[in-house]
Amino acid sequence: MSLRINHVSVNALDLKRSTAFYAELLGAEPIATPNFGIPVQWLALGRTQLHLFERDLEPTSHHHFGVTVDDVEPVYRAAERWNAFDDEAFRNRLVELPGDVVQLYVRDPAGNLVEIDHQGVDRLPDDLRARLKGLWDFNPQDDEQMSARLFVPE
């Protein structure tokens, strides 16, 4: 059986603002959306979709979805413009994982946590590398844990 996640759905407090955020941050493109009887916008996001629905709901602290990008710098710069960084959930907005993966944590306008994944610490510009902390700086890792690899498709 071939499996692949086809969409992720997250709450938006202001559908237009959240749509603009994901369009600027990730290049997501609004696409035709059926009428669900509530405000909903589907966005094309690579080979999958992001579904936004407008409801007055509070997000949880750590529930999130991850998106792999080829270059994290433009996403970081967009997050700067939106003042969207999250330094609380995982203790730093930029975290290095075992296997040379960089994670950027941001909050969308509704407060949803989004993880942006990027392969290669050496590809970061100096100012981003200076903000980077290893997961092991916060949590001790044994050899098995250091061998773990996040699936970051190319």
N, C-alpha and C. Protein backbone atom coordinates (compact mmCIF):
# COMPACT_ATOMS: atom_id res chain seq x y z
N MET A 1 0.84 -1.18 0.00
CA MET A 1 0.00 0.00 0.00
C MET A 1 0.89 1.24 0.00
N SER A 2 0.59 2.17 -0.86
CA SER A 2 1.32 3.44 -0.92
C SER A 2 0.54 4.48 -0.12
N LEU A 3 1.20 5.09 0.85
CA LEU A 3 0.55 6.07 1.70
C LEU A 3 1.24 7.42 1.60
N ARG A 4 0.44 8.47 1.71
CA ARG A 4 0.97 9.82 1.73
C ARG A 4 -0.09 10.71 2.36
N ILE A 5 0.30 11.61 3.23
CA ILE A 5 -0.66 12.57 3.78
C ILE A 5 -1.04 13.52 2.66
N ASN A 6 -2.36 13.72 2.45
CA ASN A 6 -2.79 14.58 1.35
C ASN A 6 -3.14 16.00 1.79
N HIS A 7 -3.46 16.17 3.08
CA HIS A 7 -3.67 17.54 3.57
C HIS A 7 -3.58 17.58 5.09
N VAL A 8 -3.36 18.80 5.56
CA VAL A 8 -3.40 19.11 6.98
C VAL A 8 -4.40 20.25 7.11
N SER A 9 -5.20 20.23 8.16
CA SER A 9 -6.21 21.26 8.37
C SER A 9 -5.92 21.97 9.68
N VAL A 10 -5.90 23.31 9.63
CA VAL A 10 -5.67 24.09 10.84
C VAL A 10 -6.68 25.22 10.93
N ASN A 11 -6.90 25.66 12.14
CA ASN A 11 -7.81 26.73 12.43
C ASN A 11 -7.22 28.09 12.03
N ALA A 12 -8.10 28.97 11.59
CA ALA A 12 -7.73 30.37 11.31
C ALA A 12 -8.74 31.26 12.04
N LEU A 13 -8.25 32.23 12.78
CA LEU A 13 -9.16 33.19 13.42
C LEU A 13 -9.64 34.23 12.41
N ASP A 14 -8.78 34.53 11.44
CA ASP A 14 -9.07 35.46 10.34
C ASP A 14 -8.58 34.78 9.07
N LEU A 15 -9.50 34.24 8.28
CA LEU A 15 -9.15 33.42 7.13
C LEU A 15 -8.28 34.17 6.12
N LYS A 16 -8.60 35.42 5.85
CA LYS A 16 -7.81 36.19 4.87
C LYS A 16 -6.38 36.42 5.38
N ARG A 17 -6.26 36.76 6.66
CA ARG A 17 -4.92 37.00 7.23
C ARG A 17 -4.09 35.72 7.24
N SER A 18 -4.68 34.61 7.63
CA SER A 18 -3.95 33.34 7.63
C SER A 18 -3.58 32.90 6.22
N THR A 19 -4.47 33.11 5.26
CA THR A 19 -4.16 32.79 3.86
C THR A 19 -2.97 33.62 3.39
N ALA A 20 -2.96 34.91 3.69
CA ALA A 20 -1.84 35.78 3.30
C ALA A 20 -0.53 35.33 3.98
N PHE A 21 -0.62 34.93 5.24
CA PHE A 21 0.56 34.46 5.97
C PHE A 21 1.19 33.25 5.28
N TYR A 22 0.41 32.23 5.00
CA TYR A 22 0.95 31.02 4.37
C TYR A 22 1.40 31.27 2.94
N ALA A 23 0.75 32.19 2.25
CA ALA A 23 1.19 32.54 0.90
C ALA A 23 2.56 33.20 0.94
N GLU A 24 2.77 34.14 1.87
CA GLU A 24 4.07 34.81 1.97
C GLU A 24 5.14 33.89 2.55
N LEU A 25 4.81 33.17 3.61
CA LEU A 25 5.79 32.35 4.30
C LEU A 25 6.26 31.17 3.45
N LEU A 26 5.31 30.47 2.83
CA LEU A 26 5.64 29.21 2.16
C LEU A 26 5.31 29.18 0.67
N GLY A 27 4.79 30.28 0.13
CA GLY A 27 4.40 30.28 -1.27
C GLY A 27 3.15 29.46 -1.54
N ALA A 28 2.35 29.21 -0.51
CA ALA A 28 1.10 28.45 -0.68
C ALA A 28 0.16 29.22 -1.60
N GLU A 29 -0.54 28.49 -2.43
CA GLU A 29 -1.44 29.13 -3.40
C GLU A 29 -2.89 28.76 -3.11
N PRO A 30 -3.76 29.78 -2.94
CA PRO A 30 -5.18 29.50 -2.76
C PRO A 30 -5.72 28.77 -4.00
N ILE A 31 -6.53 27.75 -3.77
CA ILE A 31 -7.12 26.97 -4.86
C ILE A 31 -8.63 26.87 -4.63
N ALA A 32 -9.34 26.42 -5.65
CA ALA A 32 -10.79 26.28 -5.54
C ALA A 32 -11.13 25.43 -4.32
N THR A 33 -12.14 25.88 -3.58
CA THR A 33 -12.53 25.25 -2.32
C THR A 33 -14.04 25.03 -2.30
N PRO A 34 -14.50 23.83 -1.97
CA PRO A 34 -15.94 23.61 -1.86
C PRO A 34 -16.54 24.42 -0.69
N ASN A 35 -17.86 24.58 -0.73
CA ASN A 35 -18.57 25.25 0.36
C ASN A 35 -18.87 24.23 1.45
N PHE A 36 -18.30 24.45 2.63
CA PHE A 36 -18.52 23.57 3.76
C PHE A 36 -19.51 24.16 4.77
N GLY A 37 -20.07 25.31 4.45
CA GLY A 37 -21.01 25.96 5.36
C GLY A 37 -20.33 26.81 6.42
N ILE A 38 -19.01 26.80 6.44
CA ILE A 38 -18.19 27.67 7.30
C ILE A 38 -17.08 28.23 6.41
N PRO A 39 -16.43 29.32 6.79
CA PRO A 39 -15.34 29.84 5.97
C PRO A 39 -14.16 28.86 5.93
N VAL A 40 -13.81 28.43 4.73
CA VAL A 40 -12.72 27.48 4.49
C VAL A 40 -11.95 27.94 3.27
N GLN A 41 -10.62 27.79 3.32
CA GLN A 41 -9.79 28.04 2.14
C GLN A 41 -8.77 26.92 2.04
N TRP A 42 -8.74 26.27 0.86
CA TRP A 42 -7.72 25.28 0.58
C TRP A 42 -6.54 25.98 -0.06
N LEU A 43 -5.32 25.53 0.30
CA LEU A 43 -4.09 26.07 -0.27
C LEU A 43 -3.25 24.92 -0.83
N ALA A 44 -2.71 25.11 -2.02
CA ALA A 44 -1.76 24.15 -2.59
C ALA A 44 -0.42 24.39 -1.92
N LEU A 45 0.18 23.31 -1.43
CA LEU A 45 1.45 23.39 -0.72
C LEU A 45 2.30 22.23 -1.18
N GLY A 46 3.06 22.42 -2.25
CA GLY A 46 3.84 21.33 -2.81
C GLY A 46 2.92 20.23 -3.32
N ARG A 47 3.21 19.00 -2.92
CA ARG A 47 2.40 17.85 -3.33
C ARG A 47 1.25 17.56 -2.38
N THR A 48 0.96 18.50 -1.51
CA THR A 48 -0.14 18.31 -0.56
C THR A 48 -0.95 19.60 -0.47
N GLN A 49 -1.90 19.63 0.42
CA GLN A 49 -2.72 20.82 0.62
C GLN A 49 -2.75 21.19 2.09
N LEU A 50 -2.94 22.48 2.32
CA LEU A 50 -3.19 23.00 3.66
C LEU A 50 -4.61 23.54 3.63
N HIS A 51 -5.45 23.06 4.54
CA HIS A 51 -6.83 23.53 4.63
C HIS A 51 -6.97 24.43 5.84
N LEU A 52 -7.44 25.64 5.61
CA LEU A 52 -7.70 26.59 6.70
C LEU A 52 -9.21 26.67 6.91
N PHE A 53 -9.64 26.64 8.16
CA PHE A 53 -11.06 26.83 8.47
C PHE A 53 -11.15 27.87 9.57
N GLU A 54 -12.12 28.77 9.43
CA GLU A 54 -12.23 29.88 10.37
C GLU A 54 -13.17 29.51 11.51
N ARG A 55 -12.59 29.46 12.70
CA ARG A 55 -13.32 29.18 13.93
C ARG A 55 -12.58 29.85 15.09
N ASP A 56 -13.31 30.20 16.13
CA ASP A 56 -12.72 30.83 17.30
C ASP A 56 -12.25 29.73 18.26
N LEU A 57 -11.07 29.16 17.97
CA LEU A 57 -10.51 28.07 18.75
C LEU A 57 -9.09 28.42 19.19
N GLU A 58 -8.70 27.94 20.34
CA GLU A 58 -7.34 28.14 20.84
C GLU A 58 -6.45 26.96 20.44
N PRO A 59 -5.28 27.23 19.85
CA PRO A 59 -4.38 26.13 19.51
C PRO A 59 -3.69 25.59 20.77
N THR A 60 -3.19 24.36 20.66
CA THR A 60 -2.43 23.78 21.77
C THR A 60 -0.98 24.25 21.69
N SER A 61 -0.23 24.01 22.73
CA SER A 61 1.14 24.53 22.80
C SER A 61 2.11 23.83 21.85
N HIS A 62 1.96 22.51 21.65
CA HIS A 62 2.95 21.75 20.89
C HIS A 62 2.41 21.06 19.65
N HIS A 63 1.09 20.99 19.50
CA HIS A 63 0.52 20.39 18.30
C HIS A 63 1.00 21.21 17.10
N HIS A 64 1.54 20.54 16.08
CA HIS A 64 2.09 21.26 14.94
C HIS A 64 2.13 20.38 13.71
N PHE A 65 2.44 20.99 12.59
CA PHE A 65 2.73 20.23 11.38
C PHE A 65 4.05 20.75 10.83
N GLY A 66 4.76 19.90 10.10
CA GLY A 66 6.08 20.24 9.58
C GLY A 66 6.06 20.31 8.06
N VAL A 67 6.81 21.26 7.53
CA VAL A 67 6.94 21.46 6.10
C VAL A 67 8.43 21.51 5.76
N THR A 68 8.85 20.73 4.78
CA THR A 68 10.24 20.77 4.32
C THR A 68 10.37 21.84 3.25
N VAL A 69 11.41 22.66 3.37
CA VAL A 69 11.71 23.68 2.36
C VAL A 69 13.14 23.49 1.86
N ASP A 70 13.39 23.94 0.64
CA ASP A 70 14.73 23.86 0.06
C ASP A 70 15.68 24.86 0.71
N ASP A 71 15.15 26.01 1.12
CA ASP A 71 15.97 27.08 1.69
C ASP A 71 15.19 27.75 2.80
N VAL A 72 15.67 27.64 4.01
CA VAL A 72 14.94 28.19 5.16
C VAL A 72 15.10 29.70 5.28
N GLU A 73 16.14 30.28 4.68
CA GLU A 73 16.36 31.72 4.87
C GLU A 73 15.18 32.58 4.43
N PRO A 74 14.61 32.41 3.22
CA PRO A 74 13.47 33.27 2.85
C PRO A 74 12.26 33.06 3.77
N VAL A 75 12.08 31.86 4.28
CA VAL A 75 10.99 31.61 5.22
C VAL A 75 11.27 32.35 6.52
N TYR A 76 12.51 32.31 6.99
CA TYR A 76 12.91 33.02 8.20
C TYR A 76 12.65 34.52 8.04
N ARG A 77 13.03 35.07 6.89
CA ARG A 77 12.84 36.52 6.64
C ARG A 77 11.35 36.88 6.61
N ALA A 78 10.53 36.02 6.02
CA ALA A 78 9.08 36.26 6.02
C ALA A 78 8.54 36.19 7.45
N ALA A 79 9.01 35.24 8.23
CA ALA A 79 8.58 35.12 9.63
C ALA A 79 8.98 36.37 10.42
N GLU A 80 10.14 36.95 10.09
CA GLU A 80 10.55 38.21 10.74
C GLU A 80 9.52 39.30 10.46
N ARG A 81 9.11 39.42 9.20
CA ARG A 81 8.14 40.46 8.83
C ARG A 81 6.81 40.27 9.55
N TRP A 82 6.43 39.03 9.82
CA TRP A 82 5.18 38.71 10.50
C TRP A 82 5.34 38.65 12.02
N ASN A 83 6.57 38.81 12.51
CA ASN A 83 6.84 38.65 13.95
C ASN A 83 6.25 37.33 14.45
N ALA A 84 6.59 36.25 13.73
CA ALA A 84 5.93 34.96 13.92
C ALA A 84 6.77 33.91 14.64
N PHE A 85 7.93 34.26 15.12
CA PHE A 85 8.81 33.26 15.73
C PHE A 85 8.24 32.69 17.03
N ASP A 86 8.50 31.40 17.25
CA ASP A 86 8.16 30.76 18.52
C ASP A 86 9.45 30.29 19.18
N ASP A 87 9.77 30.87 20.30
CA ASP A 87 10.97 30.49 21.06
C ASP A 87 10.60 29.73 22.33
N GLU A 88 9.34 29.38 22.49
CA GLU A 88 8.87 28.74 23.72
C GLU A 88 8.68 27.23 23.60
N ALA A 89 7.95 26.78 22.60
CA ALA A 89 7.54 25.37 22.53
C ALA A 89 8.74 24.42 22.58
N PHE A 90 9.76 24.71 21.80
CA PHE A 90 10.95 23.85 21.78
C PHE A 90 12.21 24.62 22.16
N ARG A 91 11.99 25.70 22.91
CA ARG A 91 13.03 26.50 23.57
C ARG A 91 13.85 27.41 22.67
N ASN A 92 13.71 27.31 21.36
CA ASN A 92 14.44 28.19 20.45
C ASN A 92 13.77 28.13 19.09
N ARG A 93 13.78 29.23 18.39
CA ARG A 93 13.15 29.24 17.06
C ARG A 93 13.91 28.42 16.04
N LEU A 94 15.21 28.28 16.19
CA LEU A 94 16.03 27.48 15.28
C LEU A 94 16.72 26.37 16.06
N VAL A 95 16.40 25.13 15.71
CA VAL A 95 16.94 23.97 16.42
C VAL A 95 17.56 23.01 15.41
N GLU A 96 18.79 22.54 15.74
CA GLU A 96 19.44 21.52 14.92
C GLU A 96 19.11 20.15 15.49
N LEU A 97 18.71 19.25 14.61
CA LEU A 97 18.45 17.86 15.00
C LEU A 97 19.63 16.99 14.58
N PRO A 98 19.76 15.81 15.16
CA PRO A 98 20.75 14.86 14.65
C PRO A 98 20.49 14.62 13.16
N GLY A 99 21.56 14.48 12.40
CA GLY A 99 21.40 14.26 10.96
C GLY A 99 21.45 15.54 10.15
N ASP A 100 21.88 16.66 10.77
CA ASP A 100 22.09 17.91 10.04
C ASP A 100 20.80 18.51 9.50
N VAL A 101 19.72 18.44 10.29
CA VAL A 101 18.45 19.05 9.93
C VAL A 101 18.21 20.26 10.82
N VAL A 102 17.81 21.36 10.20
CA VAL A 102 17.48 22.58 10.92
C VAL A 102 15.96 22.71 10.96
N GLN A 103 15.45 23.02 12.14
CA GLN A 103 14.02 23.26 12.30
C GLN A 103 13.80 24.71 12.72
N LEU A 104 12.87 25.36 12.05
CA LEU A 104 12.44 26.72 12.39
C LEU A 104 11.01 26.62 12.90
N TYR A 105 10.75 27.20 14.07
CA TYR A 105 9.42 27.16 14.66
C TYR A 105 8.78 28.54 14.59
N VAL A 106 7.57 28.58 14.03
CA VAL A 106 6.81 29.83 13.91
C VAL A 106 5.37 29.57 14.34
N ARG A 107 4.67 30.65 14.63
CA ARG A 107 3.24 30.61 14.93
C ARG A 107 2.51 31.40 13.84
N ASP A 108 1.44 30.81 13.32
CA ASP A 108 0.64 31.53 12.32
C ASP A 108 -0.25 32.55 13.03
N PRO A 109 -1.01 33.38 12.29
CA PRO A 109 -1.82 34.41 12.95
C PRO A 109 -2.84 33.88 13.95
N ALA A 110 -3.25 32.61 13.84
CA ALA A 110 -4.18 32.04 14.82
C ALA A 110 -3.46 31.41 16.00
N GLY A 111 -2.13 31.39 15.96
CA GLY A 111 -1.35 30.81 17.05
C GLY A 111 -0.97 29.36 16.84
N ASN A 112 -1.26 28.79 15.67
CA ASN A 112 -0.87 27.41 15.37
C ASN A 112 0.64 27.32 15.21
N LEU A 113 1.24 26.29 15.76
CA LEU A 113 2.68 26.07 15.66
C LEU A 113 2.99 25.38 14.33
N VAL A 114 3.97 25.92 13.60
CA VAL A 114 4.40 25.36 12.32
C VAL A 114 5.90 25.12 12.40
N GLU A 115 6.32 23.93 12.01
CA GLU A 115 7.74 23.55 11.98
C GLU A 115 8.20 23.56 10.54
N ILE A 116 9.26 24.32 10.27
CA ILE A 116 9.84 24.38 8.93
C ILE A 116 11.16 23.63 8.98
N ASP A 117 11.32 22.62 8.13
CA ASP A 117 12.50 21.77 8.14
C ASP A 117 13.37 22.03 6.91
N HIS A 118 14.69 21.99 7.14
CA HIS A 118 15.67 22.33 6.12
C HIS A 118 16.90 21.46 6.34
N GLN A 119 17.42 20.89 5.29
CA GLN A 119 18.62 20.05 5.39
C GLN A 119 19.87 20.91 5.26
N GLY A 120 20.78 20.81 6.22
CA GLY A 120 22.09 21.42 6.08
C GLY A 120 22.35 22.67 6.88
N VAL A 121 22.98 22.52 8.03
CA VAL A 121 23.36 23.67 8.86
C VAL A 121 24.31 24.58 8.10
N ASP A 122 25.23 23.99 7.32
CA ASP A 122 26.23 24.80 6.61
C ASP A 122 25.62 25.69 5.53
N ARG A 123 24.37 25.48 5.18
CA ARG A 123 23.69 26.31 4.19
C ARG A 123 23.07 27.55 4.80
N LEU A 124 23.09 27.66 6.13
CA LEU A 124 22.50 28.82 6.80
C LEU A 124 23.42 30.03 6.69
N PRO A 125 22.85 31.22 6.51
CA PRO A 125 23.68 32.43 6.60
C PRO A 125 24.17 32.61 8.05
N ASP A 126 25.22 33.37 8.21
CA ASP A 126 25.85 33.54 9.52
C ASP A 126 24.88 34.00 10.61
N ASP A 127 23.97 34.96 10.30
CA ASP A 127 23.08 35.47 11.35
C ASP A 127 22.10 34.41 11.83
N LEU A 128 21.67 33.49 10.94
CA LEU A 128 20.79 32.41 11.37
C LEU A 128 21.58 31.35 12.12
N ARG A 129 22.77 31.05 11.65
CA ARG A 129 23.60 30.05 12.33
C ARG A 129 23.91 30.50 13.76
N ALA A 130 24.06 31.79 13.97
CA ALA A 130 24.34 32.31 15.31
C ALA A 130 23.16 32.10 16.27
N ARG A 131 21.94 31.99 15.73
CA ARG A 131 20.75 31.78 16.56
C ARG A 131 20.44 30.30 16.78
N LEU A 132 21.11 29.42 16.05
CA LEU A 132 20.84 27.98 16.07
C LEU A 132 21.33 27.34 17.37
N LYS A 133 20.51 26.45 17.92
CA LYS A 133 20.90 25.65 19.09
C LYS A 133 20.64 24.19 18.75
N GLY A 134 21.53 23.32 19.19
CA GLY A 134 21.31 21.88 19.01
C GLY A 134 20.29 21.36 19.99
N LEU A 135 19.51 20.38 19.57
CA LEU A 135 18.54 19.75 20.47
C LEU A 135 19.25 19.26 21.73
N TRP A 136 20.50 18.81 21.56
CA TRP A 136 21.31 18.30 22.68
C TRP A 136 21.71 19.40 23.66
N ASP A 137 21.57 20.68 23.26
CA ASP A 137 21.82 21.78 24.19
C ASP A 137 20.72 21.87 25.25
N PHE A 138 19.54 21.32 24.94
CA PHE A 138 18.40 21.37 25.84
C PHE A 138 18.10 20.02 26.49
N ASN A 139 18.36 18.95 25.73
CA ASN A 139 18.00 17.61 26.18
C ASN A 139 19.14 16.65 25.88
N PRO A 140 19.68 15.94 26.90
CA PRO A 140 20.77 15.00 26.64
C PRO A 140 20.33 13.93 25.64
N GLN A 141 21.23 13.50 24.78
CA GLN A 141 20.95 12.50 23.76
C GLN A 141 21.95 11.35 23.90
N ASP A 142 21.43 10.12 23.89
CA ASP A 142 22.35 8.98 23.87
C ASP A 142 22.67 8.63 22.41
N ASP A 143 23.50 7.61 22.19
CA ASP A 143 23.92 7.26 20.83
C ASP A 143 22.74 6.90 19.94
N GLU A 144 21.79 6.13 20.46
CA GLU A 144 20.62 5.77 19.65
C GLU A 144 19.81 7.01 19.26
N GLN A 145 19.62 7.90 20.21
CA GLN A 145 18.87 9.12 19.92
C GLN A 145 19.60 10.00 18.91
N MET A 146 20.92 10.02 18.98
CA MET A 146 21.71 10.80 18.01
C MET A 146 21.68 10.16 16.61
N SER A 147 21.27 8.88 16.52
CA SER A 147 21.18 8.23 15.21
C SER A 147 19.79 8.44 14.57
N ALA A 148 18.85 9.04 15.31
CA ALA A 148 17.51 9.29 14.77
C ALA A 148 17.58 10.25 13.61
N ARG A 149 16.70 10.07 12.61
CA ARG A 149 16.67 10.93 11.45
C ARG A 149 15.23 11.32 11.14
N LEU A 150 14.99 12.63 11.03
CA LEU A 150 13.71 13.14 10.58
C LEU A 150 13.62 12.93 9.08
N PHE A 151 12.50 12.44 8.60
CA PHE A 151 12.30 12.25 7.17
C PHE A 151 12.14 13.62 6.52
N VAL A 152 13.16 14.05 5.80
CA VAL A 152 13.13 15.33 5.10
C VAL A 152 13.30 15.01 3.61
N PRO A 153 12.17 14.87 2.87
CA PRO A 153 12.27 14.49 1.46
C PRO A 153 12.95 15.58 0.64
N GLU A 154 13.63 15.14 -0.39
CA GLU A 154 14.29 16.10 -1.29
C GLU A 154 13.45 16.35 -2.50
